[in-house]
Amino acid sequence: MADHSLVLALALTVRHDGHGGVADELSGPEGLTAWVRAHAAALEPDADAGGFAADAFTADEEALAAVRALRAAVRALFARAVRPDSPSPADAQRLLPAGMALELLNAAAAAVPTVPRLEWPEGRDPYAVHRGTGAPDAVTALCAALARAAVDFLAGPDREKLRACHAPRCVRYFLKEHPRQEWCRPSCGNRARVARHQRRHQLHSES
């Protein structure tokens, strides 16, 4: 399976706060700075195309707004991908229209033009890399890298494995790795079973 950790990690910066609400890891520039630096290794393959150093990235309000808008597009398209199942409860009332999400994602991916370049080191097999044709700013390069990760995932076969976790208090998306998997984590499965047991007990008491 391809590594889709980057786009999934972006979507999962929206999470349950443990108190019945939703928390946002990208609530301020410092949160985005920490997130980008923590995922520098996943962003590294795009460094040549985008020309920014993820491990030294420092976000400002412009960067925050751009990445949060891109995340909203990704989560809207995730919601489309899991149809006819319901989307994450965090998005149910505030999804971007699919057409708007596609336009935003594709524009971000195209903002850093690249060209293929053949590399052939002595004693090794040749391989292709994509080099940027300009010198974009760090925010544009970051959003392009994130958008391309989303395009690769949504256009690939692993999209069929995407699910929204509907355990109580969970707002995560996950990849279903085996046929019997219903929840993103064992703890969510435990909460769901407890909730089902409580509902059955309540119905039995009322009957």
Protein backbone atom coordinates (compact mmCIF):
# COMPACT_ATOMS: atom_id res chain seq x y z
CA MET A 1 0.00 0.00 0.00
CA ALA A 2 1.20 3.50 -0.78
CA ASP A 3 2.08 5.79 2.08
CA HIS A 4 -0.86 8.12 2.57
CA SER A 5 0.16 9.23 6.04
CA LEU A 6 0.52 12.88 5.07
CA VAL A 7 -2.99 13.48 3.75
CA LEU A 8 -4.55 11.40 6.53
CA ALA A 9 -2.55 13.30 9.13
CA LEU A 10 -3.79 16.59 7.69
CA ALA A 11 -7.41 15.44 7.93
CA LEU A 12 -6.87 14.20 11.48
CA THR A 13 -5.73 17.56 12.79
CA VAL A 14 -9.46 17.84 13.53
CA ARG A 15 -10.14 15.54 16.45
CA HIS A 16 -12.39 15.01 19.45
CA ASP A 17 -11.40 17.12 22.44
CA GLY A 18 -12.41 14.55 25.07
CA HIS A 19 -15.26 16.73 26.35
CA GLY A 20 -17.91 16.32 23.70
CA GLY A 21 -16.48 18.89 21.30
CA VAL A 22 -13.93 19.16 18.51
CA ALA A 23 -10.31 20.25 18.89
CA ASP A 24 -8.16 21.70 16.14
CA GLU A 25 -4.42 21.09 16.14
CA LEU A 26 -4.10 23.95 13.64
CA SER A 27 -5.81 26.53 15.85
CA GLY A 28 -2.94 29.00 15.50
CA PRO A 29 0.28 29.57 13.57
CA GLU A 30 2.28 27.83 16.27
CA GLY A 31 0.16 24.70 15.86
CA LEU A 32 0.75 24.66 12.11
CA THR A 33 4.47 25.26 12.61
CA ALA A 34 4.69 22.27 14.96
CA TRP A 35 2.62 20.08 12.63
CA VAL A 36 4.68 20.84 9.52
CA ARG A 37 7.97 20.26 11.32
CA ALA A 38 6.66 16.98 12.79
CA HIS A 39 5.82 15.81 9.24
CA ALA A 40 8.97 17.11 7.59
CA ALA A 41 10.04 13.61 6.55
CA ALA A 42 6.78 13.04 4.65
CA LEU A 43 7.09 16.45 2.99
CA GLU A 44 10.73 15.89 2.04
CA PRO A 45 10.01 14.17 -1.32
CA ASP A 46 8.37 17.41 -2.46
CA ALA A 47 11.25 19.62 -1.36
CA ASP A 48 12.79 19.72 -4.84
CA ALA A 49 9.44 20.52 -6.43
CA GLY A 50 8.44 23.14 -3.90
CA GLY A 51 11.73 24.46 -2.67
CA PHE A 52 11.02 24.87 1.04
CA ALA A 53 12.59 23.34 4.13
CA ALA A 54 9.76 21.78 6.13
CA ASP A 55 11.93 21.21 9.21
CA ALA A 56 12.62 24.96 9.43
CA PHE A 57 9.13 26.14 8.45
CA THR A 58 7.50 28.86 10.55
CA ALA A 59 3.82 29.59 9.95
CA ASP A 60 2.04 32.93 10.01
CA GLU A 61 -1.66 33.77 9.75
CA GLU A 62 -1.56 33.60 5.93
CA ALA A 63 -0.11 30.11 6.01
CA LEU A 64 -2.62 29.02 8.63
CA ALA A 65 -5.58 30.26 6.58
CA ALA A 66 -4.28 28.57 3.43
CA VAL A 67 -3.67 25.18 5.05
CA ARG A 68 -6.97 25.21 6.93
CA ALA A 69 -8.81 25.99 3.69
CA LEU A 70 -7.02 23.10 2.00
CA ARG A 71 -7.88 20.81 4.91
CA ALA A 72 -11.55 21.76 4.57
CA ALA A 73 -11.38 20.74 0.91
CA VAL A 74 -9.71 17.44 1.78
CA ARG A 75 -12.29 16.60 4.44
CA ALA A 76 -15.13 17.50 2.06
CA LEU A 77 -13.70 15.10 -0.50
CA PHE A 78 -13.17 12.45 2.17
CA ALA A 79 -16.87 12.82 2.99
CA ARG A 80 -17.67 12.28 -0.68
CA ALA A 81 -15.38 9.24 -0.79
CA VAL A 82 -17.17 7.43 2.05
CA ARG A 83 -20.65 7.79 0.52
CA PRO A 84 -23.23 6.36 0.99
CA ASP A 85 -21.97 6.19 4.58
CA SER A 86 -22.18 9.33 6.68
CA PRO A 87 -19.23 11.72 6.92
CA SER A 88 -17.35 12.44 10.12
CA PRO A 89 -19.65 14.13 12.67
CA ALA A 90 -17.20 17.04 12.74
CA ASP A 91 -18.11 17.85 9.13
CA ALA A 92 -21.75 16.88 8.88
CA GLN A 93 -23.07 20.46 9.07
CA ARG A 94 -20.26 22.41 7.44
CA LEU A 95 -18.93 20.62 4.38
CA LEU A 96 -17.68 22.57 1.40
CA PRO A 97 -19.56 21.79 -1.81
CA ALA A 98 -17.67 19.08 -3.69
CA GLY A 99 -17.08 21.26 -6.75
CA MET A 100 -15.57 24.03 -4.64
CA ALA A 101 -13.39 21.50 -2.80
CA LEU A 102 -12.10 20.07 -6.08
CA GLU A 103 -11.33 23.52 -7.46
CA LEU A 104 -9.42 24.51 -4.32
CA LEU A 105 -7.44 21.27 -4.21
CA ASN A 106 -6.50 21.33 -7.88
CA ALA A 107 -5.52 25.00 -7.76
CA ALA A 108 -3.20 24.35 -4.82
CA ALA A 109 -1.62 21.35 -6.55
CA ALA A 110 -1.03 23.35 -9.74
CA ALA A 111 0.43 26.41 -8.01
CA VAL A 112 3.96 24.99 -8.21
CA PRO A 113 4.65 23.88 -11.80
CA THR A 114 7.07 20.97 -12.09
CA VAL A 115 8.85 19.15 -14.87
CA PRO A 116 10.16 15.57 -14.89
CA ARG A 117 13.92 15.17 -14.79
CA LEU A 118 15.85 11.95 -15.29
CA GLU A 119 18.56 11.19 -12.74
CA TRP A 120 21.04 8.36 -13.41
CA PRO A 121 23.82 8.05 -10.84
CA GLU A 122 26.80 5.91 -11.75
CA GLY A 123 26.27 2.31 -10.70
CA ARG A 124 22.54 2.76 -9.99
CA ASP A 125 19.30 2.48 -11.94
CA PRO A 126 17.84 5.64 -13.46
CA TYR A 127 14.89 7.30 -11.82
CA ALA A 128 12.65 10.32 -12.40
CA VAL A 129 12.25 13.29 -10.10
CA HIS A 130 9.97 16.29 -10.50
CA ARG A 131 11.72 19.64 -10.22
CA GLY A 132 10.00 22.95 -9.72
CA THR A 133 10.16 25.40 -12.59
CA GLY A 134 10.05 28.48 -10.36
CA ALA A 135 10.78 29.64 -6.83
CA PRO A 136 7.48 29.61 -4.95
CA ASP A 137 7.13 30.94 -1.43
CA ALA A 138 7.01 28.44 1.42
CA VAL A 139 3.23 28.63 1.90
CA THR A 140 2.53 27.93 -1.78
CA ALA A 141 5.03 25.08 -1.77
CA LEU A 142 3.54 23.57 1.40
CA CYS A 143 -0.02 23.71 0.08
CA ALA A 144 1.08 22.23 -3.25
CA ALA A 145 2.75 19.31 -1.47
CA LEU A 146 -0.33 18.67 0.68
CA ALA A 147 -2.69 18.97 -2.28
CA ARG A 148 -0.64 16.55 -4.38
CA ALA A 149 -0.67 14.04 -1.53
CA ALA A 150 -4.46 14.35 -1.44
CA VAL A 151 -4.75 13.95 -5.22
CA ASP A 152 -2.57 10.82 -5.17
CA PHE A 153 -4.71 9.30 -2.44
CA LEU A 154 -8.14 10.23 -3.78
CA ALA A 155 -7.26 9.11 -7.31
CA GLY A 156 -5.80 5.79 -6.12
CA PRO A 157 -7.24 2.44 -5.07
CA ASP A 158 -6.82 3.02 -1.34
CA ARG A 159 -9.63 5.58 -1.46
CA GLU A 160 -12.01 2.59 -1.38
CA LYS A 161 -10.71 1.74 2.11
CA LEU A 162 -11.51 5.16 3.57
CA ARG A 163 -14.09 5.19 6.35
CA ALA A 164 -15.42 7.69 8.88
CA CYS A 165 -15.30 6.37 12.43
CA HIS A 166 -18.73 6.60 14.05
CA ALA A 167 -17.79 5.54 17.54
CA PRO A 168 -19.11 7.90 20.23
CA ARG A 169 -17.06 11.12 20.39
CA CYS A 170 -14.83 10.20 17.43
CA VAL A 171 -14.47 12.43 14.35
CA ARG A 172 -11.59 10.61 12.65
CA TYR A 173 -11.25 9.13 9.17
CA PHE A 174 -9.27 5.91 8.77
CA LEU A 175 -8.30 3.24 6.25
CA LYS A 176 -10.09 -0.06 6.70
CA GLU A 177 -7.27 -2.62 6.65
CA HIS A 178 -9.25 -5.83 7.19
CA PRO A 179 -12.88 -6.87 6.50
CA ARG A 180 -14.07 -6.85 10.12
CA GLN A 181 -12.59 -3.47 11.03
CA GLU A 182 -15.35 -1.02 12.01
CA TRP A 183 -13.48 1.58 14.07
CA CYS A 184 -10.32 3.62 13.71
CA ARG A 185 -8.83 2.37 17.00
CA PRO A 186 -9.57 -0.36 19.56
CA SER A 187 -10.57 2.28 22.10
CA CYS A 188 -13.30 3.47 19.73
CA GLY A 189 -14.56 -0.09 19.37
CA ASN A 190 -14.73 -0.40 23.14
CA ARG A 191 -16.72 2.85 23.44
CA ALA A 192 -19.10 1.74 20.69
CA ARG A 193 -19.74 -1.60 22.37
CA VAL A 194 -20.35 0.06 25.72
CA ALA A 195 -22.77 2.52 24.09
CA ARG A 196 -24.66 -0.33 22.38
CA HIS A 197 -24.89 -2.21 25.66
CA GLN A 198 -26.22 0.87 27.45
CA ARG A 199 -28.85 1.44 24.74
CA ARG A 200 -30.01 -2.18 24.95
CA HIS A 201 -30.18 -1.94 28.73
CA GLN A 202 -32.17 1.29 28.52
CA LEU A 203 -34.64 -0.18 26.00
CA HIS A 204 -35.05 -3.29 28.19
CA SER A 205 -35.73 -1.09 31.24
CA GLU A 206 -38.33 0.94 29.37
CA SER A 207 -40.17 -2.09 28.01
